[in-house]
Amino acid sequence: MFFCLFFVIVQPVALSDDGSSLDGNEVCGILSVILIIIVFIIGIFFFISDSKNKKKGKIKKDEKPSKFCPNCGREVSFDTKFCQYCGWKIN
């Protein structure tokens, strides 16, 4: 697959403005820029998808769900009956 991408990307770029071929350093520079752009786009995609998962409030498998005390606002475990900080009864 990389071999096919090489010819799709490099062949059209391999000629300079005056029609002469580019040397190896120029081609490597162009490929480096293209690779950096691709990695940047992939990074943005994963960052956006990760932030969407956090906004949805997904809970990891090893993480217990939690809730907050309506009296003091501190986080308490999901299955508790009373707040361990202020003693308020949790519904």
Protein backbone atom coordinates (compact mmCIF):
# COMPACT_ATOMS: atom_id res chain seq x y z
CA MET A 1 0.00 0.00 0.00
CA PHE A 2 2.80 2.41 0.87
CA PHE A 3 4.39 1.61 -2.48
CA CYS A 4 1.20 2.67 -4.30
CA LEU A 5 0.94 5.86 -2.24
CA PHE A 6 4.57 6.61 -3.06
CA PHE A 7 3.85 6.69 -6.78
CA VAL A 8 0.58 8.58 -6.39
CA ILE A 9 2.21 11.30 -4.28
CA VAL A 10 5.79 11.46 -5.53
CA GLN A 11 5.38 11.09 -9.29
CA PRO A 12 3.29 14.26 -9.80
CA VAL A 13 5.54 16.17 -7.40
CA ALA A 14 8.81 14.82 -8.79
CA LEU A 15 9.06 17.49 -11.49
CA SER A 16 9.98 21.05 -10.62
CA ASP A 17 8.48 24.13 -12.27
CA ASP A 18 10.93 24.11 -15.18
CA GLY A 19 10.30 20.42 -15.94
CA SER A 20 13.56 19.05 -14.57
CA SER A 21 13.51 16.29 -11.98
CA LEU A 22 13.87 17.02 -8.30
CA ASP A 23 16.84 15.59 -6.45
CA GLY A 24 16.52 13.11 -3.58
CA ASN A 25 16.69 15.75 -0.84
CA GLU A 26 13.79 17.73 -2.27
CA VAL A 27 11.65 14.61 -2.62
CA CYS A 28 12.47 13.56 0.96
CA GLY A 29 11.54 17.04 2.15
CA ILE A 30 8.22 16.91 0.34
CA LEU A 31 7.48 13.43 1.70
CA SER A 32 8.38 14.58 5.21
CA VAL A 33 5.94 17.48 5.01
CA ILE A 34 3.19 15.21 3.69
CA LEU A 35 3.86 12.67 6.46
CA ILE A 36 3.74 15.38 9.14
CA ILE A 37 0.42 16.66 7.79
CA ILE A 38 -1.07 13.15 7.76
CA VAL A 39 0.08 12.44 11.33
CA PHE A 40 -1.31 15.82 12.44
CA ILE A 41 -4.71 15.09 10.87
CA ILE A 42 -4.83 11.63 12.49
CA GLY A 43 -3.91 13.18 15.85
CA ILE A 44 -6.70 15.73 15.57
CA PHE A 45 -9.16 12.95 14.72
CA PHE A 46 -8.22 10.93 17.82
CA PHE A 47 -8.28 14.03 20.03
CA ILE A 48 -11.79 14.94 18.86
CA SER A 49 -13.11 11.39 19.23
CA ASP A 50 -11.57 11.10 22.72
CA SER A 51 -13.10 14.39 23.86
CA LYS A 52 -16.52 13.28 22.56
CA ASN A 53 -16.26 10.08 24.63
CA LYS A 54 -15.40 12.08 27.75
CA LYS A 55 -18.36 14.40 27.19
CA LYS A 56 -20.72 11.44 26.91
CA GLY A 57 -19.69 10.39 30.39
CA LYS A 58 -18.63 6.89 29.48
CA ILE A 59 -17.34 4.91 32.43
CA LYS A 60 -14.35 2.64 32.06
CA LYS A 61 -14.78 -1.02 32.96
CA ASP A 62 -12.59 -0.86 36.06
CA GLU A 63 -14.06 2.45 37.22
CA LYS A 64 -17.06 2.47 39.57
CA PRO A 65 -19.84 4.93 38.80
CA SER A 66 -20.12 7.82 41.23
CA LYS A 67 -22.50 10.60 42.14
CA PHE A 68 -22.38 13.81 44.15
CA CYS A 69 -23.84 14.72 47.53
CA PRO A 70 -26.67 17.27 47.14
CA ASN A 71 -25.69 18.88 50.47
CA CYS A 72 -21.91 19.37 50.30
CA GLY A 73 -21.31 18.66 46.59
CA ARG A 74 -18.50 16.15 47.14
CA GLU A 75 -18.21 12.99 45.09
CA VAL A 76 -19.50 9.84 46.81
CA SER A 77 -19.61 6.26 45.59
CA PHE A 78 -22.64 5.17 43.64
CA ASP A 79 -23.90 2.56 46.12
CA THR A 80 -23.56 4.59 49.33
CA LYS A 81 -26.61 5.54 51.43
CA PHE A 82 -25.05 8.45 53.35
CA CYS A 83 -22.42 11.03 52.44
CA GLN A 84 -19.14 10.11 54.15
CA TYR A 85 -18.22 13.80 54.49
CA CYS A 86 -21.34 15.48 55.86
CA GLY A 87 -23.66 12.56 56.74
CA TRP A 88 -26.45 13.65 54.39
CA LYS A 89 -28.78 10.85 53.27
CA ILE A 90 -28.21 10.02 49.61
CA ASN A 91 -31.25 8.92 47.58
